[in-house]
């Protein structure tokens, strides 16, 4: 999980490599507690430490997602909304601080309140202190077909694997932090059970009306926009600042590289951000097949994807 973008990740003794270990991405996956974790990048020991030591505060804010579901965009929006009175848009820091990797029990007391964290972990694997606190969780998901294509593009620098292989992994539920349906259902069900604590957001909703969704986010976070802010265009300024094109053009994202990562540069986080781009890569037969899987896995939940 991440603070100010800070990151948290645990394991059971029974682990096994992915059966789909046909490429560099799949080889790094380990299964435990019903999910596939990219243990080559997220050591299971760091997740164990997170679950054991992390103590949530009631005003903590946690951004949760599957990879390639709009995580970077949402983290930028949440951080900017919460800190809009502390920074100008020209000098607001959008950095990333990894936790529980180098230190099994890091000192979080110096992080100013409200503390902002992000994670790709499924809801069942979150620390109990989070589930029993009054902290706020914002979960973003995306049409899984677009996630497949985005993830395939993202990891092609490691291994030029066919998009069909990535698609097959998703069909089996063997992708990072998958199965997709179990990951999304965990947060969906909690958003129905505890709507004041878990905010469920679709990437497509954010793309369609970013101003309305940003105002909803601010309300949920406890940092609503004033009438004066709305009149003077503060909401639109934040939406523009956190837009895909602006984030893509930030110097840190054009030329920067995160420490302690296999990624060659930050540019990989920004490709197209389009909705429905999967139609250019997946056949109608493949789409129908995965739709059938989703209908079965999500049956009775009330959760649907266009």
Protein backbone atom coordinates (compact mmCIF):
# COMPACT_ATOMS: atom_id res chain seq x y z
CA UNK A 1 0.00 0.00 0.00
CA UNK A 2 1.29 3.56 -0.46
CA UNK A 3 1.43 6.75 1.67
CA UNK A 4 0.97 10.00 -0.09
CA UNK A 5 1.03 7.32 -2.17
CA UNK A 6 2.43 4.65 0.20
CA UNK A 7 2.26 0.78 -0.51
CA UNK A 8 1.30 -2.27 1.66
CA UNK A 9 1.24 -6.02 0.81
CA UNK A 10 1.26 -11.31 3.19
CA UNK A 11 1.40 -14.89 2.60
CA UNK A 12 0.36 -18.26 3.84
CA UNK A 13 2.84 -21.11 4.09
CA UNK A 14 1.30 -22.91 1.12
CA UNK A 15 2.45 -21.14 -2.02
CA UNK A 16 2.78 -22.30 -5.59
CA UNK A 17 3.97 -20.71 -8.84
CA UNK A 18 1.39 -19.76 -11.43
CA UNK A 19 0.41 -22.51 -13.84
CA UNK A 20 0.53 -19.82 -16.49
CA UNK A 21 4.26 -19.28 -15.98
CA UNK A 22 4.95 -18.92 -19.69
CA UNK A 23 6.39 -15.40 -19.48
CA UNK A 24 8.29 -13.16 -17.08
CA UNK A 25 5.12 -11.59 -15.64
CA UNK A 26 3.44 -14.92 -14.84
CA UNK A 27 6.58 -16.51 -13.42
CA UNK A 28 6.61 -13.92 -10.62
CA UNK A 29 3.12 -14.82 -9.36
CA UNK A 30 2.51 -16.72 -6.13
CA UNK A 31 -0.86 -17.97 -4.92
CA UNK A 32 -2.08 -17.71 -1.35
CA UNK A 33 -5.31 -16.90 0.42
CA UNK A 34 -7.12 -17.39 -2.88
CA UNK A 35 -5.27 -14.67 -4.81
CA UNK A 36 -2.25 -14.43 -7.12
CA UNK A 37 0.37 -12.02 -5.80
CA UNK A 38 3.37 -10.71 -7.81
CA UNK A 39 5.78 -11.83 -5.12
CA UNK A 40 8.83 -11.05 -7.23
CA UNK A 41 7.94 -7.36 -6.78
CA UNK A 42 5.84 -7.53 -3.60
CA UNK A 43 7.57 -9.89 -1.15
CA UNK A 44 5.03 -11.86 0.83
CA UNK A 45 7.00 -11.02 3.97
CA UNK A 46 6.10 -7.35 3.45
CA UNK A 47 2.41 -8.22 3.33
CA UNK A 48 2.70 -10.25 6.51
CA UNK A 49 4.35 -7.29 8.22
CA UNK A 50 1.63 -4.95 6.97
CA UNK A 51 -1.15 -7.16 8.29
CA UNK A 52 0.61 -7.64 11.60
CA UNK A 53 1.76 -4.10 12.37
CA UNK A 54 -0.33 -1.58 10.44
CA UNK A 55 -2.59 0.41 12.75
CA UNK A 56 -5.27 2.34 10.90
CA UNK A 57 -6.49 5.72 12.07
CA UNK A 58 -10.08 6.82 11.62
CA UNK A 59 -9.09 9.64 9.27
CA UNK A 60 -6.84 7.48 7.06
CA UNK A 61 -7.64 7.47 3.34
CA UNK A 62 -6.88 4.37 1.29
CA UNK A 63 -6.96 4.16 -2.51
CA UNK A 64 -7.45 0.56 -3.64
CA UNK A 65 -7.46 -0.95 -7.10
CA UNK A 66 -6.33 -3.69 -9.40
CA UNK A 67 -3.29 -2.66 -11.47
CA UNK A 68 -4.10 -0.73 -14.66
CA UNK A 69 -7.58 0.25 -13.47
CA UNK A 70 -6.96 3.99 -13.19
CA UNK A 71 -4.83 3.89 -10.04
CA UNK A 72 -2.45 6.74 -10.90
CA UNK A 73 -5.27 9.07 -11.94
CA UNK A 74 -7.28 8.38 -8.79
CA UNK A 75 -4.27 8.81 -6.49
CA UNK A 76 -3.52 12.17 -8.08
CA UNK A 77 -7.13 13.31 -7.67
CA UNK A 78 -7.42 12.18 -4.05
CA UNK A 79 -4.11 13.72 -3.01
CA UNK A 80 -4.88 17.00 -4.76
CA UNK A 81 -8.42 17.24 -3.32
CA UNK A 82 -7.21 16.62 0.23
CA UNK A 83 -4.17 18.92 -0.02
CA UNK A 84 -5.58 21.73 -2.18
CA UNK A 85 -5.29 24.25 0.67
CA UNK A 86 -1.71 23.25 1.50
CA UNK A 87 -0.15 23.50 -1.96
CA UNK A 88 -0.62 25.38 -5.18
CA UNK A 89 -1.22 23.18 -8.20
CA UNK A 90 2.18 24.17 -9.56
CA UNK A 91 4.11 22.66 -6.63
CA UNK A 92 1.89 19.87 -5.31
CA UNK A 93 3.97 16.71 -4.74
CA UNK A 94 2.74 13.55 -6.40
CA UNK A 95 5.39 11.17 -5.18
CA UNK A 96 5.40 7.53 -4.05
CA UNK A 97 6.74 6.12 -0.80
CA UNK A 98 6.94 2.33 -0.50
CA UNK A 99 6.27 0.87 2.94
CA UNK A 100 6.89 -2.49 4.61
CA UNK A 101 9.50 -3.55 2.06
CA UNK A 102 12.73 -2.40 3.66
CA UNK A 103 11.32 -2.09 7.17
CA UNK A 104 8.94 -4.68 8.60
CA UNK A 105 7.50 -2.14 11.06
CA UNK A 106 8.02 1.39 9.70
CA UNK A 107 7.35 4.50 11.79
CA UNK A 108 4.23 6.11 10.32
CA UNK A 109 3.86 8.69 13.09
CA UNK A 110 5.52 11.41 11.02
CA UNK A 111 2.98 11.20 8.19
CA UNK A 112 0.65 14.21 8.49
CA UNK A 113 -3.05 13.63 9.01
CA UNK A 114 -5.04 12.58 7.10
CA UNK A 115 -2.63 9.86 6.00
CA UNK A 116 -3.03 8.77 2.38
CA UNK A 117 -2.25 5.21 1.34
CA UNK A 118 -2.79 3.09 -1.74
CA UNK A 119 -2.84 -0.65 -2.30
CA UNK A 120 -3.53 -3.32 -4.91
CA UNK A 121 -4.34 -5.88 -2.22
CA UNK A 122 -7.83 -7.45 -2.26
CA UNK A 123 -10.14 -6.48 0.57
CA UNK A 124 -9.84 -9.80 2.49
CA UNK A 125 -6.08 -9.27 2.75
CA UNK A 126 -6.22 -5.79 4.27
CA UNK A 127 -5.03 -5.39 7.85
CA UNK A 128 -7.82 -6.00 10.38
CA UNK A 129 -7.21 -2.54 11.82
CA UNK A 130 -8.41 -1.05 8.52
CA UNK A 131 -11.59 -3.12 8.48
CA UNK A 132 -12.39 -2.25 12.09
CA UNK A 133 -11.63 1.47 11.81
CA UNK A 134 -13.65 4.35 10.41
CA UNK A 135 -11.12 5.11 7.68
CA UNK A 136 -12.25 5.76 4.12
CA UNK A 137 -11.46 3.45 1.20
CA UNK A 138 -11.84 4.54 -2.42
CA UNK A 139 -11.84 1.64 -4.86
CA UNK A 140 -11.57 2.15 -8.60
CA UNK A 141 -12.24 -0.56 -11.16
CA UNK A 142 -12.40 -0.65 -14.92
CA UNK A 143 -13.82 -2.70 -17.74
CA UNK A 144 -11.68 -5.85 -17.39
CA UNK A 145 -11.10 -6.07 -21.15
CA UNK A 146 -9.34 -2.71 -21.08
CA UNK A 147 -7.35 -3.85 -18.03
CA UNK A 148 -6.16 -6.92 -19.96
CA UNK A 149 -4.91 -4.82 -22.87
CA UNK A 150 -3.38 -2.15 -20.64
CA UNK A 151 -1.56 -4.75 -18.54
CA UNK A 152 -0.32 -6.53 -21.67
CA UNK A 153 1.16 -3.28 -23.00
CA UNK A 154 2.60 -2.40 -19.58
CA UNK A 155 4.68 -5.58 -19.25
CA UNK A 156 5.79 -5.95 -22.85
CA UNK A 157 9.10 -4.34 -21.90
CA UNK A 158 9.87 -7.54 -19.96
CA UNK A 159 8.69 -10.07 -22.50
CA UNK A 160 6.96 -9.51 -25.83
CA UNK A 161 4.21 -11.96 -24.99
CA UNK A 162 1.03 -12.28 -27.08
CA UNK A 163 -2.07 -10.47 -25.85
CA UNK A 164 -3.84 -13.84 -26.08
CA UNK A 165 -1.61 -15.16 -23.26
CA UNK A 166 -2.53 -12.23 -21.03
CA UNK A 167 -6.19 -12.76 -21.83
CA UNK A 168 -5.96 -16.48 -20.96
CA UNK A 169 -4.46 -15.60 -17.57
CA UNK A 170 -7.45 -13.38 -16.80
CA UNK A 171 -9.87 -16.11 -17.89
CA UNK A 172 -8.22 -18.45 -15.39
CA UNK A 173 -8.08 -15.74 -12.73
CA UNK A 174 -4.31 -16.09 -12.55
CA UNK A 175 -3.26 -12.48 -13.14
CA UNK A 176 -1.61 -10.27 -10.52
CA UNK A 177 -3.91 -9.74 -7.52
CA UNK A 178 -6.51 -11.86 -9.30
CA UNK A 179 -8.92 -13.39 -9.84
CA UNK A 180 -10.37 -10.12 -11.13
CA UNK A 181 -13.91 -11.07 -10.08
CA UNK A 182 -12.94 -11.89 -6.49
CA UNK A 183 -10.91 -8.68 -6.17
CA UNK A 184 -13.69 -6.45 -7.42
CA UNK A 185 -16.43 -8.26 -5.49
CA UNK A 186 -14.59 -7.82 -2.20
CA UNK A 187 -14.73 -4.04 -2.44
CA UNK A 188 -18.14 -3.96 -4.16
CA UNK A 189 -19.78 -5.92 -1.35
CA UNK A 190 -18.17 -3.71 1.30
CA UNK A 191 -19.35 -0.57 -0.51
CA UNK A 192 -22.89 -1.90 -0.16
CA UNK A 193 -22.38 -2.90 3.47
CA UNK A 194 -20.48 0.22 4.57
CA UNK A 195 -21.19 2.98 2.00
CA UNK A 196 -19.88 5.71 4.30
CA UNK A 197 -16.50 3.96 4.45
CA UNK A 198 -16.06 2.35 1.03
CA UNK A 199 -16.54 4.36 -2.17
CA UNK A 200 -16.83 2.24 -5.34
CA UNK A 201 -15.88 4.06 -8.55
CA UNK A 202 -15.71 2.98 -12.16
CA UNK A 203 -12.96 4.35 -14.40
CA UNK A 204 -15.53 4.90 -17.15
CA UNK A 205 -17.65 7.10 -14.85
CA UNK A 206 -14.61 9.23 -14.11
CA UNK A 207 -13.83 9.58 -17.82
CA UNK A 208 -17.42 10.43 -18.71
CA UNK A 209 -17.93 13.19 -16.13
CA UNK A 210 -14.72 13.96 -14.20
CA UNK A 211 -16.11 17.14 -12.63
CA UNK A 212 -19.17 15.43 -11.11
CA UNK A 213 -17.11 12.45 -9.91
CA UNK A 214 -14.43 14.71 -8.42
CA UNK A 215 -17.13 16.53 -6.43
CA UNK A 216 -18.50 13.16 -5.24
CA UNK A 217 -15.00 12.11 -4.21
CA UNK A 218 -14.46 15.32 -2.26
CA UNK A 219 -17.76 14.86 -0.41
CA UNK A 220 -16.93 11.26 0.49
CA UNK A 221 -13.43 12.19 1.67
CA UNK A 222 -14.78 14.90 3.95
CA UNK A 223 -13.20 17.71 1.91
CA UNK A 224 -16.18 19.09 -0.04
CA UNK A 225 -15.78 22.05 -2.36
CA UNK A 226 -17.26 25.30 -1.13
CA UNK A 227 -19.70 27.32 -3.22
CA UNK A 228 -16.93 29.87 -3.72
CA UNK A 229 -14.52 27.19 -4.94
CA UNK A 230 -17.08 25.95 -7.44
CA UNK A 231 -17.76 29.50 -8.64
CA UNK A 232 -14.07 30.25 -9.14
CA UNK A 233 -13.45 27.03 -11.06
CA UNK A 234 -11.33 25.18 -8.49
CA UNK A 235 -12.98 21.84 -9.34
CA UNK A 236 -12.22 22.24 -13.03
CA UNK A 237 -8.65 23.30 -12.26
CA UNK A 238 -8.07 20.14 -10.23
CA UNK A 239 -9.67 17.98 -12.93
CA UNK A 240 -7.42 19.59 -15.57
CA UNK A 241 -4.31 19.27 -13.39
CA UNK A 242 -4.96 15.57 -12.71
CA UNK A 243 -5.99 14.78 -16.29
CA UNK A 244 -4.25 12.02 -18.19
CA UNK A 245 -2.54 14.43 -20.58
CA UNK A 246 -1.24 16.71 -17.86
CA UNK A 247 0.06 13.88 -15.67
CA UNK A 248 1.68 12.33 -18.72
CA UNK A 249 3.48 15.60 -19.47
CA UNK A 250 4.85 16.14 -15.96
CA UNK A 251 8.65 16.00 -16.08
CA UNK A 252 8.79 13.29 -13.41
CA UNK A 253 6.61 11.09 -15.60
CA UNK A 254 8.41 11.87 -18.86
CA UNK A 255 11.97 11.31 -17.67
CA UNK A 256 11.73 9.97 -14.10
CA UNK A 257 12.05 6.45 -12.74
CA UNK A 258 10.88 5.11 -9.39
CA UNK A 259 13.53 3.63 -7.14
CA UNK A 260 13.35 -0.05 -6.16
CA UNK A 261 11.40 -1.06 -9.28
CA UNK A 262 11.91 -3.19 -12.35
CA UNK A 263 10.23 -0.56 -14.52
CA UNK A 264 12.67 1.25 -16.84
CA UNK A 265 10.80 4.58 -16.55
CA UNK A 266 7.59 6.24 -15.38
CA UNK A 267 6.31 6.68 -18.93
CA UNK A 268 4.99 3.12 -18.81
CA UNK A 269 2.24 4.29 -16.45
CA UNK A 270 0.78 6.40 -19.25
CA UNK A 271 -0.24 4.92 -22.59
CA UNK A 272 -3.63 6.02 -23.94
CA UNK A 273 -6.19 5.91 -21.10
CA UNK A 274 -8.94 5.28 -23.65
CA UNK A 275 -12.20 3.52 -22.87
CA UNK A 276 -12.97 0.55 -25.10
CA UNK A 277 -9.51 0.25 -26.64
CA UNK A 278 -9.75 -3.53 -26.16
CA UNK A 279 -11.79 -3.84 -29.39
CA UNK A 280 -8.56 -3.24 -31.30
CA UNK A 281 -6.86 -6.25 -29.66
CA UNK A 282 -9.45 -8.84 -28.55
CA UNK A 283 -11.70 -10.78 -30.88
CA UNK A 284 -15.50 -10.75 -30.44
CA UNK A 285 -15.28 -14.45 -29.58
CA UNK A 286 -12.79 -13.75 -26.79
CA UNK A 287 -14.95 -10.93 -25.44
CA UNK A 288 -18.04 -13.14 -25.42
CA UNK A 289 -16.12 -15.91 -23.64
CA UNK A 290 -14.93 -13.66 -20.83
CA UNK A 291 -18.33 -12.00 -20.58
CA UNK A 292 -19.82 -15.43 -19.89
CA UNK A 293 -17.22 -16.05 -17.18
CA UNK A 294 -17.98 -12.68 -15.57
CA UNK A 295 -21.73 -13.26 -15.66
CA UNK A 296 -21.24 -16.52 -13.80
CA UNK A 297 -18.75 -15.15 -11.24
CA UNK A 298 -20.69 -11.93 -10.55
CA UNK A 299 -24.14 -13.56 -10.59
CA UNK A 300 -26.42 -12.26 -7.85
CA UNK A 301 -24.03 -9.49 -6.75
CA UNK A 302 -25.71 -6.65 -8.62
CA UNK A 303 -22.33 -5.71 -10.11
CA UNK A 304 -22.17 -5.42 -13.88
CA UNK A 305 -19.76 -4.11 -16.52
CA UNK A 306 -20.75 -2.58 -19.83
